[in-house]
Amino acid sequence: MRTLKTGIAVFLVLGLFSALGWEGLQIGCLTAVFSLRENFDRSIQFGKSRIFANTVGGLLSLLFYFVNMLFDHSVWVTLILVPILTMLTIVINVSFNNSSGVIGGVAALLIITLSIPHNDTFVYVIARVFETFCGVFIAILVNYDYNWLIKYLK
């Protein structure tokens, strides 16, 4: 059943993002897949972890964006700052007892920092973080509705 729920979550992300003309389909879909767990309670628990981790990764992506702008998008900023921010994402999550969110937080950081188009605004970074939140909420919604349907059919 988890496979079916995953397909439904990906479908809903694709449908929502397409209907609203949003970019970032891959981020929303990946987040929905990562966040969809075996039941509603586990999805809520993992969703909280993922939201915290993505917030950390997103905020550090903003830091990267501003430093990168300050140094006129020099390649050395990416070479030095992205590994440091990766380690910082891990350290922050572990220090907040959020080990389960480390991979998601690092993934958010890397996807955002390494895909920022040259000369784009910080709104791009905010949009990518928002897309991860959408994926989490859709996964939770799919698990909630699915559990409600199973209880109703019994």
C-alpha atoms as a PDB file:
ATOM      1  CA  MET A   1       0.000   0.000   0.000  1.00  0.00           C
ATOM      2  CA  ARG A   2       2.897   2.358   0.649  1.00  0.00           C
ATOM      3  CA  THR A   3       3.798   2.123  -3.031  1.00  0.00           C
ATOM      4  CA  LEU A   4       0.273   3.148  -4.023  1.00  0.00           C
ATOM      5  CA  LYS A   5       0.301   6.026  -1.517  1.00  0.00           C
ATOM      6  CA  THR A   6       3.656   7.179  -2.893  1.00  0.00           C
ATOM      7  CA  GLY A   7       2.259   7.209  -6.423  1.00  0.00           C
ATOM      8  CA  ILE A   8      -0.763   9.193  -5.256  1.00  0.00           C
ATOM      9  CA  ALA A   9       1.453  11.715  -3.434  1.00  0.00           C
ATOM     10  CA  VAL A  10       3.647  12.215  -6.517  1.00  0.00           C
ATOM     11  CA  PHE A  11       0.513  12.590  -8.663  1.00  0.00           C
ATOM     12  CA  LEU A  12      -0.875  15.256  -6.311  1.00  0.00           C
ATOM     13  CA  VAL A  13       2.389  17.205  -6.272  1.00  0.00           C
ATOM     14  CA  LEU A  14       2.600  17.097 -10.071  1.00  0.00           C
ATOM     15  CA  GLY A  15      -1.043  18.114 -10.396  1.00  0.00           C
ATOM     16  CA  LEU A  16      -0.858  20.954  -7.867  1.00  0.00           C
ATOM     17  CA  PHE A  17       2.399  22.374  -9.177  1.00  0.00           C
ATOM     18  CA  SER A  18       1.274  22.096 -12.801  1.00  0.00           C
ATOM     19  CA  ALA A  19      -2.107  23.664 -12.106  1.00  0.00           C
ATOM     20  CA  LEU A  20      -0.497  26.597 -10.283  1.00  0.00           C
ATOM     21  CA  GLY A  21       2.379  26.961 -12.749  1.00  0.00           C
ATOM     22  CA  TRP A  22       5.014  26.358 -10.082  1.00  0.00           C
ATOM     23  CA  GLU A  23       8.521  25.181 -10.853  1.00  0.00           C
ATOM     24  CA  GLY A  24      10.405  22.723  -8.684  1.00  0.00           C
ATOM     25  CA  LEU A  25       8.444  19.599  -9.489  1.00  0.00           C
ATOM     26  CA  GLN A  26      11.453  17.441  -8.625  1.00  0.00           C
ATOM     27  CA  ILE A  27      11.835  19.022  -5.177  1.00  0.00           C
ATOM     28  CA  GLY A  28       8.165  18.687  -4.289  1.00  0.00           C
ATOM     29  CA  CYS A  29       7.983  15.104  -5.561  1.00  0.00           C
ATOM     30  CA  LEU A  30      11.186  13.992  -3.842  1.00  0.00           C
ATOM     31  CA  THR A  31      10.066  15.513  -0.576  1.00  0.00           C
ATOM     32  CA  ALA A  32       6.690  13.781  -0.811  1.00  0.00           C
ATOM     33  CA  VAL A  33       8.415  10.442  -1.436  1.00  0.00           C
ATOM     34  CA  PHE A  34      10.871  10.979   1.454  1.00  0.00           C
ATOM     35  CA  SER A  35       8.108  12.074   3.821  1.00  0.00           C
ATOM     36  CA  LEU A  36       5.547   9.402   3.060  1.00  0.00           C
ATOM     37  CA  ARG A  37       5.889   6.774   5.771  1.00  0.00           C
ATOM     38  CA  GLU A  38       4.079   3.587   6.683  1.00  0.00           C
ATOM     39  CA  ASN A  39       1.328   5.381   8.600  1.00  0.00           C
ATOM     40  CA  PHE A  40      -0.049   8.805   9.456  1.00  0.00           C
ATOM     41  CA  ASP A  41       1.740   9.130  12.807  1.00  0.00           C
ATOM     42  CA  ARG A  42       5.127   8.252  11.305  1.00  0.00           C
ATOM     43  CA  SER A  43       4.478  10.699   8.451  1.00  0.00           C
ATOM     44  CA  ILE A  44       3.721  13.460  10.960  1.00  0.00           C
ATOM     45  CA  GLN A  45       6.851  12.640  12.961  1.00  0.00           C
ATOM     46  CA  PHE A  46       9.059  12.477   9.871  1.00  0.00           C
ATOM     47  CA  GLY A  47       7.337  15.525   8.383  1.00  0.00           C
ATOM     48  CA  LYS A  48       8.293  17.606  11.430  1.00  0.00           C
ATOM     49  CA  SER A  49      11.843  16.362  11.157  1.00  0.00           C
ATOM     50  CA  ARG A  50      11.931  17.102   7.438  1.00  0.00           C
ATOM     51  CA  ILE A  51      10.488  20.608   7.866  1.00  0.00           C
ATOM     52  CA  PHE A  52      13.108  21.447  10.480  1.00  0.00           C
ATOM     53  CA  ALA A  53      15.917  20.007   8.352  1.00  0.00           C
ATOM     54  CA  ASN A  54      14.690  21.768   5.196  1.00  0.00           C
ATOM     55  CA  THR A  55      14.420  25.032   7.077  1.00  0.00           C
ATOM     56  CA  VAL A  56      18.045  24.671   8.163  1.00  0.00           C
ATOM     57  CA  GLY A  57      19.119  23.754   4.622  1.00  0.00           C
ATOM     58  CA  GLY A  58      17.037  26.589   3.176  1.00  0.00           C
ATOM     59  CA  LEU A  59      18.378  29.220   5.557  1.00  0.00           C
ATOM     60  CA  LEU A  60      21.934  28.122   4.856  1.00  0.00           C
ATOM     61  CA  SER A  61      21.114  28.276   1.137  1.00  0.00           C
ATOM     62  CA  LEU A  62      20.116  31.895   1.658  1.00  0.00           C
ATOM     63  CA  LEU A  63      23.432  32.507   3.366  1.00  0.00           C
ATOM     64  CA  PHE A  64      25.190  30.949   0.367  1.00  0.00           C
ATOM     65  CA  TYR A  65      23.152  33.107  -1.986  1.00  0.00           C
ATOM     66  CA  PHE A  66      24.129  36.348  -0.252  1.00  0.00           C
ATOM     67  CA  VAL A  67      27.812  35.447   0.109  1.00  0.00           C
ATOM     68  CA  ASN A  68      27.904  34.289  -3.507  1.00  0.00           C
ATOM     69  CA  MET A  69      26.405  37.621  -4.619  1.00  0.00           C
ATOM     70  CA  LEU A  70      28.879  39.518  -2.480  1.00  0.00           C
ATOM     71  CA  PHE A  71      31.762  37.822  -4.284  1.00  0.00           C
ATOM     72  CA  ASP A  72      30.191  38.143  -7.752  1.00  0.00           C
ATOM     73  CA  HIS A  73      29.368  34.428  -8.150  1.00  0.00           C
ATOM     74  CA  SER A  74      32.993  33.340  -8.014  1.00  0.00           C
ATOM     75  CA  VAL A  75      33.475  29.589  -8.342  1.00  0.00           C
ATOM     76  CA  TRP A  76      35.706  29.478  -5.258  1.00  0.00           C
ATOM     77  CA  VAL A  77      32.743  30.554  -3.116  1.00  0.00           C
ATOM     78  CA  THR A  78      30.913  27.406  -4.186  1.00  0.00           C
ATOM     79  CA  LEU A  79      34.010  25.237  -3.764  1.00  0.00           C
ATOM     80  CA  ILE A  80      34.623  26.441  -0.226  1.00  0.00           C
ATOM     81  CA  LEU A  81      31.229  27.419   1.134  1.00  0.00           C
ATOM     82  CA  VAL A  82      29.019  24.515  -0.038  1.00  0.00           C
ATOM     83  CA  PRO A  83      31.070  21.829   1.800  1.00  0.00           C
ATOM     84  CA  ILE A  84      31.190  24.008   4.924  1.00  0.00           C
ATOM     85  CA  LEU A  85      27.427  24.611   4.779  1.00  0.00           C
ATOM     86  CA  THR A  86      26.886  20.879   4.224  1.00  0.00           C
ATOM     87  CA  MET A  87      28.801  20.110   7.411  1.00  0.00           C
ATOM     88  CA  LEU A  88      26.976  22.889   9.240  1.00  0.00           C
ATOM     89  CA  THR A  89      23.607  21.469   8.153  1.00  0.00           C
ATOM     90  CA  ILE A  90      24.597  18.100   9.599  1.00  0.00           C
ATOM     91  CA  VAL A  91      25.917  19.592  12.846  1.00  0.00           C
ATOM     92  CA  ILE A  92      22.820  21.726  13.417  1.00  0.00           C
ATOM     93  CA  ASN A  93      20.438  18.833  12.807  1.00  0.00           C
ATOM     94  CA  VAL A  94      22.377  16.438  15.031  1.00  0.00           C
ATOM     95  CA  SER A  95      22.669  19.051  17.789  1.00  0.00           C
ATOM     96  CA  PHE A  96      18.858  19.406  17.734  1.00  0.00           C
ATOM     97  CA  ASN A  97      18.499  15.616  17.931  1.00  0.00           C
ATOM     98  CA  ASN A  98      17.214  15.481  14.365  1.00  0.00           C
ATOM     99  CA  SER A  99      19.445  12.800  12.866  1.00  0.00           C
ATOM    100  CA  SER A 100      16.568  11.503  10.753  1.00  0.00           C
ATOM    101  CA  GLY A 101      16.425  14.842   8.953  1.00  0.00           C
ATOM    102  CA  VAL A 102      20.107  15.102   8.074  1.00  0.00           C
ATOM    103  CA  ILE A 103      19.865  13.625   4.583  1.00  0.00           C
ATOM    104  CA  GLY A 104      16.790  15.684   3.704  1.00  0.00           C
ATOM    105  CA  GLY A 105      18.359  18.879   5.010  1.00  0.00           C
ATOM    106  CA  VAL A 106      21.585  18.294   3.103  1.00  0.00           C
ATOM    107  CA  ALA A 107      19.619  17.364  -0.013  1.00  0.00           C
ATOM    108  CA  ALA A 108      17.635  20.606   0.238  1.00  0.00           C
ATOM    109  CA  LEU A 109      20.823  22.616   0.741  1.00  0.00           C
ATOM    110  CA  LEU A 110      22.612  21.016  -2.206  1.00  0.00           C
ATOM    111  CA  ILE A 111      19.658  21.093  -4.590  1.00  0.00           C
ATOM    112  CA  ILE A 112      19.004  24.745  -3.836  1.00  0.00           C
ATOM    113  CA  THR A 113      22.573  26.039  -3.756  1.00  0.00           C
ATOM    114  CA  LEU A 114      23.672  24.139  -6.829  1.00  0.00           C
ATOM    115  CA  SER A 115      20.640  25.056  -8.915  1.00  0.00           C
ATOM    116  CA  ILE A 116      20.352  28.805  -8.280  1.00  0.00           C
ATOM    117  CA  PRO A 117      20.368  30.420 -11.726  1.00  0.00           C
ATOM    118  CA  HIS A 118      22.943  33.158 -12.166  1.00  0.00           C
ATOM    119  CA  ASN A 119      21.482  36.610 -11.469  1.00  0.00           C
ATOM    120  CA  ASP A 120      18.317  35.211  -9.875  1.00  0.00           C
ATOM    121  CA  THR A 121      16.779  36.692  -6.757  1.00  0.00           C
ATOM    122  CA  PHE A 122      16.537  35.237  -3.277  1.00  0.00           C
ATOM    123  CA  VAL A 123      12.865  34.568  -4.078  1.00  0.00           C
ATOM    124  CA  TYR A 124      14.154  31.545  -6.005  1.00  0.00           C
ATOM    125  CA  VAL A 125      15.652  30.142  -2.801  1.00  0.00           C
ATOM    126  CA  ILE A 126      12.468  30.808  -0.826  1.00  0.00           C
ATOM    127  CA  ALA A 127      10.402  29.124  -3.556  1.00  0.00           C
ATOM    128  CA  ARG A 128      12.540  25.974  -3.409  1.00  0.00           C
ATOM    129  CA  VAL A 129      12.114  25.748   0.374  1.00  0.00           C
ATOM    130  CA  PHE A 130       8.367  26.280  -0.006  1.00  0.00           C
ATOM    131  CA  GLU A 131       8.250  23.399  -2.502  1.00  0.00           C
ATOM    132  CA  THR A 132       9.764  21.062   0.071  1.00  0.00           C
ATOM    133  CA  PHE A 133       7.092  22.080   2.569  1.00  0.00           C
ATOM    134  CA  CYS A 134       4.403  21.333  -0.028  1.00  0.00           C
ATOM    135  CA  GLY A 135       5.825  17.842  -0.542  1.00  0.00           C
ATOM    136  CA  VAL A 136       5.757  17.157   3.204  1.00  0.00           C
ATOM    137  CA  PHE A 137       2.182  18.371   3.584  1.00  0.00           C
ATOM    138  CA  ILE A 138       0.948  16.371   0.607  1.00  0.00           C
ATOM    139  CA  ALA A 139       2.569  13.198   1.993  1.00  0.00           C
ATOM    140  CA  ILE A 140       0.885  13.790   5.351  1.00  0.00           C
ATOM    141  CA  LEU A 141      -2.443  14.461   3.641  1.00  0.00           C
ATOM    142  CA  VAL A 142      -2.210  11.268   1.588  1.00  0.00           C
ATOM    143  CA  ASN A 143      -1.503   9.207   4.703  1.00  0.00           C
ATOM    144  CA  TYR A 144      -4.292  10.911   6.633  1.00  0.00           C
ATOM    145  CA  ASP A 145      -6.875  10.410   3.910  1.00  0.00           C
ATOM    146  CA  TYR A 146      -5.721   6.864   3.292  1.00  0.00           C
ATOM    147  CA  ASN A 147      -6.062   5.931   6.974  1.00  0.00           C
ATOM    148  CA  TRP A 148      -9.485   7.565   7.118  1.00  0.00           C
ATOM    149  CA  LEU A 149     -10.596   5.552   4.068  1.00  0.00           C
ATOM    150  CA  ILE A 150      -9.371   2.256   5.573  1.00  0.00           C
ATOM    151  CA  LYS A 151     -11.222   2.942   8.845  1.00  0.00           C
ATOM    152  CA  TYR A 152     -14.346   3.909   6.926  1.00  0.00           C
ATOM    153  CA  LEU A 153     -14.307   0.746   4.799  1.00  0.00           C
ATOM    154  CA  LYS A 154     -13.921  -1.565   7.826  1.00  0.00           C
END
